[in-house]
Amino acid sequence: MYRYDEFDSRFVAERVEQFRHQIARRLSGALTEDQFKPLRLMNGLYLQLHAYMLRVAIPYGTLAGRQLRKLAHIARKYDKGFGHFTTRTNIQFNWIKLVDVPDILAELAEVEMHCIQTSGNCIRNVTADHFAGAADDEIEDPRPLAEIIRQWSSLHPEFVFLARKFKIAVGASPHDRAALQYHDLAVEIVRDADGRVGYKVLAGGGMGRTPTIAQVMREFVEREDILSYLEAVLRVYNQDSRRDNLHKQRIKILVNAIGIEEMRARVAREFDEIKRAGSLQLPPEELARIAAYFAPPAFETLADDMPVGEIDFENWKKSNIHRHRTPGNAIATISLKAIGQIPGDASADQMEGLADLMDAFDLEEIRVSHEQNLVLPHVRQKDLPAIFARLKALDLATPNAGLISDIIACPGLDYCDLANARSIPVAQAIARRFADLERQHDIGELKLKISGCINACGHHHAGHIGILGVDKKGVEYYQLLLGGSGAEDAAIGQIMGPGFGAHEIADAVERVVNLYLKERTAGERFLDTYRRVGMEPFKYIAYQEQMNAAYNG
């Protein structure tokens, strides 16, 4: 994984000291909260409902054991013993004291971590496929390019004060595990007709108030031109985006307003100008230098021989183990969705235990997925039973990856001052409703995602079943959406109708799932059945209880 060079280390250390002085001025009263707000946001510090929240960047979701151990230490010393992994592959600490922030940032810098550009109107943490470098279907590891984009975009003088936050993702597989089409800007590593590797660029995706699927800006960009092309897209957005209306400032609004052909034309003009200047080409040797940091471990020559064990282990294998590109190895997903758990939360003891596990099995890195789980990308198949046993002791062996209880959920109204409704209790209630593992496997793949407000931090638009919390005269209600997808078949979930009360939503979800089980044909996932039969049958069954109550009343 990438290691800081001398410039990185100096830059982060200087930023820590700069923010230490800014916090001292805020604590002394020399800065008002309004004056302090833009400064803290540039350093990943939010003021939430109950306390400050600090968001730590985890670029492309990759952590070393020493970094995970440091996060455990921060959770234990400065928070309430937990951290929350997010859909942007960051980690958030929700109970931070302002006076402690400089010391936390200094401790993060010791292990090459920071909070820069995890908030504010800038280019946010760059994400990538959490199976990067291990998946058997990828063209090449997308993380070297993600790291180059991170370096290029960090404190870029043109793009520090954009109209709105800007999110970039990189993938390299035909199976999209990074939700590329829901990003402001996405890069897919592809091959052209001659087999040359280059980049397909998409722009204009996003969730929130106006969910939009990204459109292709250019089918193939040469390797050396990728930064020039990305800069051209950002320039057009920065120059032409709406800054007069908070709800119309994302690149998706610009693309929709001027049309994709005009957007491509404007970007092409900027791209030609940058190319003529000749100052932003990506040298092959620089790409090779960065790629060397991401060289895979020296895999042993092993037989492809998956071990067999007792029923709990077999259930875990069934849902949480994925094929690795190298025989004798496997990819292991660690679910942070034990029944009744807060989705994405990990305790200090669990993080420390995982770091110990990594040391014990000589695992160099662990990944954070946008699905709020963790991933061990390079595990020897022969070690799986012992790893499972250690995960089980940490309460991290829940065998539900990709199943209905593997729920994505934002912190909602329990923490966030932007939320309209609680997400966590709804996620817990639905997970308990479907706790029976045999039933979950019978249901099969079903992505359920919950957001506590229209900002969509829980990715509800991309859920096979999505839930959106709304406020109606001070009462929390929940809208159901069906048919969304964040994969290569990206689709925006369709709102079913009026919201359900907090005491009704789990029942409505269960009725929808039961209808799917009744209507599906052989081999159909929930999403397949929904696309075949449409919304109406599900809508009818979901509101059946209300209709019966109205009829009987």
Protein backbone atom coordinates (compact mmCIF):
# COMPACT_ATOMS: atom_id res chain seq x y z
CA MET A 1 0.00 0.00 0.00
CA TYR A 2 1.05 3.60 -0.51
CA ARG A 3 3.51 5.10 1.99
CA TYR A 4 3.97 8.82 2.60
CA ASP A 5 6.99 10.44 1.01
CA GLU A 6 8.84 13.37 2.58
CA PHE A 7 6.45 15.91 1.06
CA ASP A 8 3.36 14.06 2.31
CA SER A 9 4.72 13.84 5.84
CA ARG A 10 5.69 17.51 6.00
CA PHE A 11 2.41 18.64 4.48
CA VAL A 12 0.25 16.69 6.94
CA ALA A 13 2.36 17.74 9.94
CA GLU A 14 2.12 21.40 8.95
CA ARG A 15 -1.63 21.08 8.47
CA VAL A 16 -2.01 19.59 11.96
CA GLU A 17 -0.16 22.50 13.56
CA GLN A 18 -2.10 25.04 11.52
CA PHE A 19 -5.40 23.57 12.68
CA ARG A 20 -4.13 23.36 16.27
CA HIS A 21 -3.76 27.17 16.25
CA GLN A 22 -7.19 27.62 14.66
CA ILE A 23 -8.82 25.47 17.34
CA ALA A 24 -7.00 27.39 20.07
CA ARG A 25 -8.45 30.61 18.64
CA ARG A 26 -11.94 29.10 18.60
CA LEU A 27 -11.63 27.90 22.20
CA SER A 28 -10.40 31.32 23.31
CA GLY A 29 -13.31 33.05 21.58
CA ALA A 30 -11.11 34.81 19.02
CA LEU A 31 -13.07 32.97 16.30
CA THR A 32 -16.85 32.69 16.23
CA GLU A 33 -18.50 29.43 15.16
CA ASP A 34 -19.39 31.01 11.81
CA GLN A 35 -15.74 31.98 11.27
CA PHE A 36 -14.50 28.60 12.47
CA LYS A 37 -16.91 26.48 10.41
CA PRO A 38 -15.12 26.63 7.03
CA LEU A 39 -11.80 25.94 8.77
CA ARG A 40 -13.06 22.86 10.61
CA LEU A 41 -14.83 21.51 7.54
CA MET A 42 -11.57 21.60 5.59
CA ASN A 43 -10.20 19.33 8.31
CA GLY A 44 -13.04 16.83 8.43
CA LEU A 45 -14.65 18.17 11.62
CA TYR A 46 -18.44 18.43 11.82
CA LEU A 47 -20.68 19.76 14.58
CA GLN A 48 -23.44 17.18 14.94
CA LEU A 49 -26.48 16.95 17.19
CA HIS A 50 -24.64 16.00 20.37
CA ALA A 51 -20.93 16.51 19.79
CA TYR A 52 -18.25 17.10 17.20
CA MET A 53 -17.77 14.33 14.64
CA LEU A 54 -14.35 13.74 13.08
CA ARG A 55 -14.21 12.02 9.68
CA VAL A 56 -10.93 10.29 8.90
CA ALA A 57 -9.94 9.63 5.28
CA ILE A 58 -9.27 6.05 4.21
CA PRO A 59 -8.18 6.51 0.58
CA TYR A 60 -9.60 3.79 -1.70
CA GLY A 61 -10.57 1.96 1.51
CA THR A 62 -7.14 0.47 2.23
CA LEU A 63 -5.76 0.18 5.78
CA ALA A 64 -2.61 -1.35 7.22
CA GLY A 65 -2.73 -3.17 10.53
CA ARG A 66 -0.89 -0.37 12.34
CA GLN A 67 -3.46 2.12 11.04
CA LEU A 68 -6.36 -0.03 12.19
CA ARG A 69 -4.71 -0.32 15.59
CA LYS A 70 -4.41 3.46 15.78
CA LEU A 71 -8.09 3.87 14.94
CA ALA A 72 -8.88 1.46 17.78
CA HIS A 73 -6.76 3.55 20.12
CA ILE A 74 -8.51 6.78 19.09
CA ALA A 75 -11.93 5.17 19.55
CA ARG A 76 -10.98 4.03 23.04
CA LYS A 77 -9.16 7.18 24.20
CA TYR A 78 -11.10 10.00 22.57
CA ASP A 79 -14.53 8.55 21.71
CA LYS A 80 -16.92 6.09 23.35
CA GLY A 81 -15.07 2.98 22.21
CA PHE A 82 -16.51 2.79 18.68
CA GLY A 83 -15.90 4.02 15.16
CA HIS A 84 -18.39 4.14 12.31
CA PHE A 85 -17.31 3.05 8.80
CA THR A 86 -19.17 4.97 6.11
CA THR A 87 -20.35 4.46 2.54
CA ARG A 88 -17.43 6.65 1.44
CA THR A 89 -15.00 4.13 3.04
CA ASN A 90 -14.06 6.67 5.72
CA ILE A 91 -14.35 6.20 9.47
CA GLN A 92 -16.23 8.65 11.69
CA PHE A 93 -15.81 9.27 15.41
CA ASN A 94 -19.06 10.72 16.68
CA TRP A 95 -18.25 11.87 20.23
CA ILE A 96 -15.13 14.04 19.87
CA LYS A 97 -14.19 16.94 22.13
CA LEU A 98 -12.90 19.99 20.28
CA VAL A 99 -9.93 20.37 22.61
CA ASP A 100 -8.74 16.84 21.70
CA VAL A 101 -8.84 17.24 17.91
CA PRO A 102 -5.24 18.50 17.43
CA ASP A 103 -3.88 15.55 19.41
CA ILE A 104 -6.04 13.12 17.43
CA LEU A 105 -4.78 14.56 14.13
CA ALA A 106 -1.19 14.34 15.36
CA GLU A 107 -1.71 10.69 16.31
CA LEU A 108 -3.24 9.96 12.89
CA ALA A 109 -0.24 11.58 11.19
CA GLU A 110 2.03 9.11 13.02
CA VAL A 111 0.49 6.31 10.93
CA GLU A 112 0.14 8.30 7.69
CA MET A 113 -3.53 9.23 8.06
CA HIS A 114 -5.40 12.52 8.04
CA CYS A 115 -8.84 14.14 7.74
CA ILE A 116 -8.10 16.59 4.92
CA GLN A 117 -10.85 16.97 2.30
CA THR A 118 -13.24 14.59 4.00
CA SER A 119 -15.75 17.45 4.13
CA GLY A 120 -16.33 20.81 2.48
CA ASN A 121 -16.85 21.76 -1.16
CA CYS A 122 -13.81 19.99 -2.51
CA ILE A 123 -12.79 16.69 -4.09
CA ARG A 124 -13.56 14.12 -1.40
CA ASN A 125 -11.94 10.80 -0.52
CA VAL A 126 -11.32 8.82 -3.71
CA THR A 127 -12.88 5.35 -3.54
CA ALA A 128 -12.25 2.13 -5.43
CA ASP A 129 -13.38 -1.48 -5.70
CA HIS A 130 -12.86 -3.13 -2.31
CA PHE A 131 -11.73 -6.33 -4.08
CA ALA A 132 -9.00 -4.39 -5.93
CA GLY A 133 -5.89 -6.42 -6.69
CA ALA A 134 -7.63 -9.65 -5.70
CA ALA A 135 -10.69 -10.01 -7.95
CA ASP A 136 -10.39 -12.51 -10.76
CA ASP A 137 -12.35 -10.30 -13.17
CA GLU A 138 -10.35 -7.06 -13.02
CA ILE A 139 -8.08 -5.72 -15.76
CA GLU A 140 -5.59 -4.30 -13.27
CA ASP A 141 -5.54 -2.97 -9.73
CA PRO A 142 -7.42 0.38 -9.81
CA ARG A 143 -5.79 1.73 -6.63
CA PRO A 144 -2.59 3.13 -8.22
CA LEU A 145 -4.75 5.40 -10.39
CA ALA A 146 -6.92 6.23 -7.36
CA GLU A 147 -3.77 7.24 -5.46
CA ILE A 148 -2.57 9.40 -8.35
CA ILE A 149 -5.98 11.09 -8.47
CA ARG A 150 -5.79 11.62 -4.70
CA GLN A 151 -2.39 13.31 -5.01
CA TRP A 152 -3.48 15.40 -8.00
CA SER A 153 -6.67 16.56 -6.30
CA SER A 154 -5.37 17.26 -2.78
CA LEU A 155 -5.47 21.03 -2.28
CA HIS A 156 -5.59 21.53 -6.05
CA PRO A 157 -5.59 25.34 -6.34
CA GLU A 158 -8.46 25.41 -8.85
CA PHE A 159 -10.69 22.95 -7.03
CA VAL A 160 -10.42 23.69 -3.30
CA PHE A 161 -13.60 25.79 -3.33
CA LEU A 162 -15.97 24.07 -5.70
CA ALA A 163 -19.68 24.83 -5.86
CA ARG A 164 -20.35 21.60 -3.96
CA LYS A 165 -18.59 18.46 -2.76
CA PHE A 166 -17.24 16.27 -5.55
CA LYS A 167 -16.90 12.48 -5.42
CA ILE A 168 -14.66 10.30 -7.59
CA ALA A 169 -14.46 6.50 -7.83
CA VAL A 170 -12.22 4.12 -9.81
CA GLY A 171 -13.00 0.56 -10.92
CA ALA A 172 -11.42 -2.01 -13.20
CA SER A 173 -13.92 -4.85 -13.54
CA PRO A 174 -17.00 -5.47 -15.66
CA HIS A 175 -18.77 -6.18 -12.36
CA ASP A 176 -19.05 -2.79 -10.70
CA ARG A 177 -18.39 -3.08 -6.95
CA ALA A 178 -17.65 0.64 -6.51
CA ALA A 179 -21.01 2.17 -7.55
CA LEU A 180 -19.22 4.06 -10.34
CA GLN A 181 -22.39 5.33 -11.99
CA TYR A 182 -23.54 7.15 -8.86
CA HIS A 183 -20.45 9.38 -8.70
CA ASP A 184 -19.83 12.92 -9.86
CA LEU A 185 -16.88 11.53 -11.80
CA ALA A 186 -15.83 7.91 -12.31
CA VAL A 187 -13.03 6.16 -14.11
CA GLU A 188 -13.32 2.59 -15.34
CA ILE A 189 -10.14 0.87 -16.49
CA VAL A 190 -10.90 -0.77 -19.84
CA ARG A 191 -9.28 -2.32 -22.91
CA ASP A 192 -9.87 -1.05 -26.41
CA ALA A 193 -10.43 -3.21 -29.48
CA ASP A 194 -6.65 -3.69 -29.83
CA GLY A 195 -6.26 -4.80 -26.21
CA ARG A 196 -4.62 -1.58 -25.01
CA VAL A 197 -5.45 -0.49 -21.47
CA GLY A 198 -6.99 2.95 -21.00
CA TYR A 199 -9.80 4.69 -19.18
CA LYS A 200 -13.53 5.11 -19.69
CA VAL A 201 -14.70 8.29 -18.00
CA LEU A 202 -18.22 8.89 -16.69
CA ALA A 203 -19.64 12.06 -15.16
CA GLY A 204 -22.83 13.45 -13.72
CA GLY A 205 -23.94 10.71 -11.38
CA GLY A 206 -25.14 11.20 -7.85
CA MET A 207 -27.81 10.54 -5.27
CA GLY A 208 -29.43 13.07 -2.96
CA ARG A 209 -32.37 15.25 -3.91
CA THR A 210 -31.95 14.56 -7.63
CA PRO A 211 -30.67 11.00 -8.13
CA THR A 212 -28.93 10.60 -11.47
CA ILE A 213 -27.04 7.87 -13.30
CA ALA A 214 -23.71 9.07 -14.70
CA GLN A 215 -23.23 9.32 -18.45
CA VAL A 216 -20.20 8.38 -20.51
CA MET A 217 -18.02 11.40 -21.21
CA ARG A 218 -15.46 9.51 -23.25
CA GLU A 219 -15.19 5.82 -24.03
CA PHE A 220 -11.39 5.67 -24.08
CA VAL A 221 -8.77 8.03 -22.68
CA GLU A 222 -5.10 7.21 -23.10
CA ARG A 223 -3.12 6.42 -19.95
CA GLU A 224 -0.91 9.52 -20.14
CA ASP A 225 -3.94 11.78 -20.71
CA ILE A 226 -6.13 10.77 -17.80
CA LEU A 227 -5.24 13.63 -15.44
CA SER A 228 -5.60 16.14 -18.28
CA TYR A 229 -9.04 14.80 -19.09
CA LEU A 230 -10.18 14.76 -15.45
CA GLU A 231 -8.93 18.31 -15.05
CA ALA A 232 -10.90 19.34 -18.13
CA VAL A 233 -14.10 17.92 -16.65
CA LEU A 234 -13.47 19.66 -13.32
CA ARG A 235 -12.73 22.97 -15.04
CA VAL A 236 -15.99 22.92 -16.96
CA TYR A 237 -17.89 22.07 -13.80
CA ASN A 238 -16.09 24.71 -11.75
CA GLN A 239 -16.68 27.42 -14.35
CA ASP A 240 -20.24 26.62 -15.38
CA SER A 241 -21.97 25.10 -12.34
CA ARG A 242 -24.81 26.92 -10.61
CA ARG A 243 -23.59 28.74 -7.51
CA ASP A 244 -26.80 30.65 -6.90
CA ASN A 245 -28.89 27.68 -5.75
CA LEU A 246 -27.76 25.11 -3.17
CA HIS A 247 -29.87 22.39 -4.76
CA LYS A 248 -28.51 22.95 -8.30
CA GLN A 249 -24.78 22.98 -7.71
CA ARG A 250 -23.74 19.39 -8.46
CA ILE A 251 -22.26 18.36 -11.80
CA LYS A 252 -25.31 16.16 -12.48
CA ILE A 253 -27.44 19.31 -12.66
CA LEU A 254 -25.03 20.94 -15.11
CA VAL A 255 -24.95 17.87 -17.37
CA ASN A 256 -28.73 17.64 -17.33
CA ALA A 257 -29.14 21.37 -18.03
CA ILE A 258 -26.81 21.65 -21.02
CA GLY A 259 -27.09 18.05 -22.27
CA ILE A 260 -24.40 15.41 -22.52
CA GLU A 261 -23.30 16.39 -26.04
CA GLU A 262 -22.68 20.00 -25.04
CA MET A 263 -20.90 18.84 -21.89
CA ARG A 264 -18.63 16.62 -23.97
CA ALA A 265 -17.92 19.49 -26.36
CA ARG A 266 -16.98 21.89 -23.54
CA VAL A 267 -14.76 19.27 -21.94
CA ALA A 268 -13.12 18.51 -25.29
CA ARG A 269 -12.21 22.18 -25.72
CA GLU A 270 -10.66 22.34 -22.26
CA PHE A 271 -8.89 19.04 -22.83
CA ASP A 272 -7.33 20.26 -26.08
CA GLU A 273 -6.14 23.44 -24.35
CA ILE A 274 -4.54 21.47 -21.50
CA LYS A 275 -2.94 19.08 -23.99
CA ARG A 276 -1.46 21.93 -25.99
CA ALA A 277 0.12 23.31 -22.83
CA GLY A 278 1.69 19.89 -22.31
CA SER A 279 1.98 20.30 -18.56
CA LEU A 280 -0.31 17.61 -17.19
CA GLN A 281 0.63 14.32 -18.78
CA LEU A 282 0.96 11.28 -16.54
CA PRO A 283 4.47 9.89 -17.12
CA PRO A 284 4.57 6.08 -17.42
CA GLU A 285 7.40 5.97 -14.91
CA GLU A 286 5.30 7.81 -12.32
CA LEU A 287 2.40 5.38 -12.79
CA ALA A 288 4.88 2.51 -12.44
CA ARG A 289 6.36 4.07 -9.29
CA ILE A 290 2.98 4.38 -7.62
CA ALA A 291 1.87 0.93 -8.83
CA ALA A 292 4.91 -0.60 -7.11
CA TYR A 293 3.41 0.39 -3.76
CA PHE A 294 0.42 -1.81 -4.54
CA ALA A 295 2.31 -4.91 -5.64
CA PRO A 296 0.44 -7.99 -4.40
CA PRO A 297 2.03 -10.13 -1.69
CA ALA A 298 4.26 -13.00 -2.72
CA PHE A 299 1.58 -15.66 -2.96
CA GLU A 300 2.56 -19.21 -2.14
CA THR A 301 1.99 -21.89 -4.74
CA LEU A 302 -1.08 -23.51 -3.26
CA ALA A 303 -3.70 -25.99 -4.37
CA ASP A 304 -7.16 -24.56 -4.96
CA ASP A 305 -8.61 -26.59 -2.10
CA MET A 306 -11.30 -24.87 -0.05
CA PRO A 307 -11.46 -26.38 3.46
CA VAL A 308 -14.66 -27.91 4.80
CA GLY A 309 -15.86 -27.34 8.36
CA GLU A 310 -18.80 -27.28 10.71
CA ILE A 311 -22.11 -25.68 9.77
CA ASP A 312 -21.30 -22.14 11.00
CA PHE A 313 -18.10 -22.09 8.98
CA GLU A 314 -19.87 -23.44 5.90
CA ASN A 315 -22.56 -20.77 6.16
CA TRP A 316 -19.87 -18.09 6.41
CA LYS A 317 -18.07 -19.48 3.38
CA LYS A 318 -21.30 -19.49 1.42
CA SER A 319 -21.93 -15.75 1.74
CA ASN A 320 -18.69 -14.10 2.85
CA ILE A 321 -15.97 -15.84 0.81
CA HIS A 322 -15.31 -14.82 -2.79
CA ARG A 323 -13.09 -16.16 -5.52
CA HIS A 324 -9.51 -14.85 -5.64
CA ARG A 325 -7.47 -14.38 -8.78
CA THR A 326 -4.70 -16.65 -7.40
CA PRO A 327 -5.34 -20.38 -6.76
CA GLY A 328 -5.32 -21.39 -3.11
CA ASN A 329 -6.37 -17.95 -1.91
CA ALA A 330 -9.68 -16.27 -1.15
CA ILE A 331 -11.28 -12.90 -0.45
CA ALA A 332 -13.05 -12.75 2.92
CA THR A 333 -15.74 -10.19 3.73
CA ILE A 334 -16.09 -9.29 7.41
CA SER A 335 -19.67 -8.25 8.04
CA LEU A 336 -20.22 -5.30 10.36
CA LYS A 337 -23.92 -6.19 10.40
CA ALA A 338 -24.44 -8.66 13.25
CA ILE A 339 -28.16 -8.90 13.99
CA GLY A 340 -29.11 -5.90 16.14
CA GLN A 341 -25.78 -4.13 15.54
CA ILE A 342 -25.50 -0.57 14.26
CA PRO A 343 -24.51 -1.03 10.59
CA GLY A 344 -20.90 -0.02 9.98
CA ASP A 345 -19.92 0.26 13.65
CA ALA A 346 -16.82 -1.47 15.00
CA SER A 347 -15.60 -1.37 18.57
CA ALA A 348 -12.07 -0.56 19.62
CA ASP A 349 -11.68 -4.16 20.79
CA GLN A 350 -12.85 -5.46 17.42
CA MET A 351 -10.51 -3.20 15.46
CA GLU A 352 -7.60 -4.12 17.68
CA GLY A 353 -8.51 -7.80 17.41
CA LEU A 354 -8.53 -7.53 13.62
CA ALA A 355 -5.10 -5.91 13.68
CA ASP A 356 -3.87 -8.83 15.82
CA LEU A 357 -5.42 -11.26 13.32
CA MET A 358 -3.63 -9.52 10.47
CA ASP A 359 -0.33 -9.86 12.29
CA ALA A 360 -0.96 -13.52 13.11
CA PHE A 361 -1.71 -14.48 9.50
CA ASP A 362 0.77 -12.13 7.83
CA LEU A 363 -1.94 -10.05 6.17
CA GLU A 364 -0.64 -6.67 5.06
CA GLU A 365 -3.91 -4.85 4.55
CA ILE A 366 -7.61 -4.74 5.22
CA ARG A 367 -10.20 -2.92 3.12
CA VAL A 368 -13.28 -0.84 3.90
CA SER A 369 -16.14 -1.31 1.46
CA HIS A 370 -18.77 1.26 0.52
CA GLU A 371 -21.22 -1.31 1.84
CA GLN A 372 -19.92 -0.58 5.37
CA ASN A 373 -18.11 -3.90 5.76
CA LEU A 374 -14.44 -4.84 5.97
CA VAL A 375 -12.57 -7.12 3.59
CA LEU A 376 -9.44 -9.27 3.89
CA PRO A 377 -8.39 -9.35 0.22
CA HIS A 378 -5.62 -11.95 0.31
CA VAL A 379 -6.35 -14.90 2.59
CA ARG A 380 -4.86 -18.38 2.18
CA GLN A 381 -7.69 -20.85 1.84
CA LYS A 382 -6.02 -23.18 4.34
CA ASP A 383 -6.14 -20.39 6.96
CA LEU A 384 -9.88 -19.77 6.62
CA PRO A 385 -11.02 -22.05 9.49
CA ALA A 386 -8.60 -20.44 11.94
CA ILE A 387 -9.47 -16.94 10.73
CA PHE A 388 -13.17 -17.73 11.07
CA ALA A 389 -12.63 -18.88 14.65
CA ARG A 390 -10.90 -15.63 15.54
CA LEU A 391 -13.58 -13.56 13.84
CA LYS A 392 -16.25 -15.49 15.70
CA ALA A 393 -14.57 -14.66 19.01
CA LEU A 394 -14.72 -10.98 18.00
CA ASP A 395 -18.41 -11.24 17.00
CA LEU A 396 -17.35 -10.49 13.43
CA ALA A 397 -18.25 -13.79 11.75
CA THR A 398 -21.84 -12.93 10.78
CA PRO A 399 -22.51 -14.94 7.58
CA ASN A 400 -24.74 -12.43 5.79
CA ALA A 401 -22.69 -10.56 3.18
CA GLY A 402 -25.03 -9.55 0.36
CA LEU A 403 -28.12 -10.85 2.17
CA ILE A 404 -31.11 -8.90 3.45
CA SER A 405 -29.64 -8.29 6.93
CA ASP A 406 -26.44 -6.83 5.42
CA ILE A 407 -28.09 -3.41 5.57
CA ILE A 408 -26.44 -0.12 4.65
CA ALA A 409 -27.63 2.69 6.90
CA CYS A 410 -26.52 6.24 7.62
CA PRO A 411 -26.32 7.44 11.27
CA GLY A 412 -29.65 9.23 10.82
CA LEU A 413 -31.33 11.35 13.45
CA ASP A 414 -29.49 9.61 16.28
CA TYR A 415 -26.42 11.66 15.34
CA CYS A 416 -26.87 13.83 12.25
CA ASP A 417 -28.36 17.32 12.46
CA LEU A 418 -29.42 17.12 8.78
CA ALA A 419 -31.51 13.97 9.21
CA ASN A 420 -35.30 13.90 9.29
CA ALA A 421 -35.68 10.41 10.77
CA ARG A 422 -33.80 7.67 12.53
CA SER A 423 -32.09 5.03 10.39
CA ILE A 424 -30.38 2.84 12.97
CA PRO A 425 -33.50 1.52 14.80
CA VAL A 426 -35.17 0.73 11.47
CA ALA A 427 -32.13 -1.21 10.27
CA GLN A 428 -31.98 -3.11 13.55
CA ALA A 429 -35.69 -3.94 13.46
CA ILE A 430 -35.56 -5.25 9.89
CA ALA A 431 -32.41 -7.28 10.59
CA ARG A 432 -34.11 -8.90 13.59
CA ARG A 433 -37.19 -9.63 11.48
CA PHE A 434 -35.04 -11.60 9.01
CA ALA A 435 -32.55 -13.02 11.52
CA ASP A 436 -33.17 -16.64 10.51
CA LEU A 437 -30.19 -17.51 8.32
CA GLU A 438 -31.96 -20.24 6.37
CA ARG A 439 -34.63 -17.73 5.44
CA GLN A 440 -32.01 -15.19 4.39
CA HIS A 441 -30.34 -17.70 2.08
CA ASP A 442 -33.72 -18.62 0.63
CA ILE A 443 -34.33 -14.93 -0.15
CA GLY A 444 -30.87 -14.68 -1.72
CA GLU A 445 -29.09 -11.50 -2.81
CA LEU A 446 -31.04 -8.48 -1.65
CA LYS A 447 -29.47 -5.06 -1.13
CA LEU A 448 -31.42 -3.06 1.46
CA LYS A 449 -30.29 0.53 2.08
CA ILE A 450 -31.61 3.17 4.46
CA SER A 451 -31.13 6.97 4.59
CA GLY A 452 -32.44 9.28 7.28
CA CYS A 453 -32.85 12.19 4.87
CA ILE A 454 -32.82 13.15 1.20
CA ASN A 455 -29.03 13.58 1.21
CA ALA A 456 -28.86 9.79 0.73
CA CYS A 457 -25.76 8.93 2.76
CA GLY A 458 -27.31 5.47 3.11
CA HIS A 459 -27.56 5.10 -0.70
CA HIS A 460 -31.29 4.33 -0.56
CA HIS A 461 -31.70 5.18 -4.27
CA ALA A 462 -29.40 2.26 -5.14
CA GLY A 463 -31.07 -0.34 -2.93
CA HIS A 464 -33.01 -3.25 -4.36
CA ILE A 465 -35.19 -2.13 -1.48
CA GLY A 466 -34.51 1.44 -0.37
CA ILE A 467 -35.91 3.25 2.64
CA LEU A 468 -35.96 7.04 3.00
CA GLY A 469 -36.81 8.69 6.30
CA VAL A 470 -38.99 11.79 6.00
CA ASP A 471 -40.53 14.20 8.48
CA LYS A 472 -44.27 14.91 8.45
CA LYS A 473 -45.19 17.58 10.99
CA GLY A 474 -42.65 16.32 13.47
CA VAL A 475 -43.42 12.60 12.98
CA GLU A 476 -40.97 10.19 11.35
CA TYR A 477 -42.22 8.31 8.28
CA TYR A 478 -40.42 6.02 5.87
CA GLN A 479 -40.86 5.85 2.11
CA LEU A 480 -40.20 2.54 0.36
CA LEU A 481 -38.29 2.47 -2.93
CA LEU A 482 -37.92 -0.61 -5.12
CA GLY A 483 -35.71 -1.57 -8.03
CA GLY A 484 -32.53 0.39 -7.42
CA SER A 485 -29.05 -0.92 -8.14
CA GLY A 486 -25.53 0.39 -7.60
CA ALA A 487 -23.87 -2.27 -9.74
CA GLU A 488 -23.11 -2.28 -13.47
CA ASP A 489 -26.87 -2.46 -14.11
CA ALA A 490 -27.32 0.79 -12.18
CA ALA A 491 -30.89 1.94 -11.66
CA ILE A 492 -32.65 4.48 -9.47
CA GLY A 493 -35.18 3.04 -7.05
CA GLN A 494 -38.82 4.01 -7.64
CA ILE A 495 -40.77 5.49 -4.73
CA MET A 496 -43.70 3.26 -3.92
CA GLY A 497 -46.04 5.86 -2.44
CA PRO A 498 -46.89 7.44 0.93
CA GLY A 499 -44.56 6.76 3.82
CA PHE A 500 -45.02 4.14 6.53
CA GLY A 501 -44.84 4.85 10.23
CA ALA A 502 -41.83 3.68 12.22
CA HIS A 503 -43.91 0.80 13.61
CA GLU A 504 -45.10 -0.19 10.12
CA ILE A 505 -42.01 -0.17 7.93
CA ALA A 506 -40.58 -3.58 8.90
CA ASP A 507 -43.99 -5.18 8.27
CA ALA A 508 -44.16 -3.52 4.84
CA VAL A 509 -40.70 -4.77 3.92
CA GLU A 510 -41.63 -8.28 5.00
CA ARG A 511 -44.78 -8.25 2.87
CA VAL A 512 -42.76 -7.10 -0.14
CA VAL A 513 -40.19 -9.86 0.39
CA ASN A 514 -42.85 -12.52 0.86
CA LEU A 515 -44.47 -11.52 -2.43
CA TYR A 516 -41.10 -11.82 -4.15
CA LEU A 517 -40.71 -15.36 -2.77
CA LYS A 518 -44.15 -16.20 -4.11
CA GLU A 519 -43.68 -14.64 -7.57
CA ARG A 520 -40.06 -15.44 -8.41
CA THR A 521 -39.08 -17.94 -11.05
CA ALA A 522 -36.10 -20.27 -10.81
CA GLY A 523 -32.84 -18.38 -10.32
CA GLU A 524 -34.40 -14.94 -9.99
CA ARG A 525 -33.04 -12.46 -7.48
CA PHE A 526 -35.39 -9.93 -5.91
CA LEU A 527 -34.23 -7.32 -8.42
CA ASP A 528 -34.94 -9.65 -11.35
CA THR A 529 -38.46 -10.38 -10.16
CA TYR A 530 -39.19 -6.70 -9.55
CA ARG A 531 -38.02 -5.79 -13.04
CA ARG A 532 -40.20 -8.50 -14.52
CA VAL A 533 -43.47 -7.86 -12.66
CA GLY A 534 -43.16 -4.13 -11.92
CA MET A 535 -44.17 -2.01 -8.96
CA GLU A 536 -47.93 -2.55 -8.76
CA PRO A 537 -48.10 -6.03 -7.19
CA PHE A 538 -45.58 -4.99 -4.54
CA LYS A 539 -47.37 -1.73 -3.90
CA TYR A 540 -50.69 -3.48 -3.46
CA ILE A 541 -49.32 -5.96 -0.93
CA ALA A 542 -47.25 -3.35 0.96
CA TYR A 543 -50.28 -1.16 1.66
CA GLN A 544 -52.63 -4.07 2.29
CA GLU A 545 -52.67 -3.60 6.05
CA GLN A 546 -53.61 0.08 5.75
CA MET A 547 -56.30 -0.75 3.21
CA ASN A 548 -57.73 -3.45 5.48
CA ALA A 549 -57.72 -1.08 8.42
CA ALA A 550 -59.51 1.59 6.39
CA TYR A 551 -62.06 -0.93 5.13
CA ASN A 552 -62.74 -2.36 8.60
CA GLY A 553 -62.94 1.13 10.07
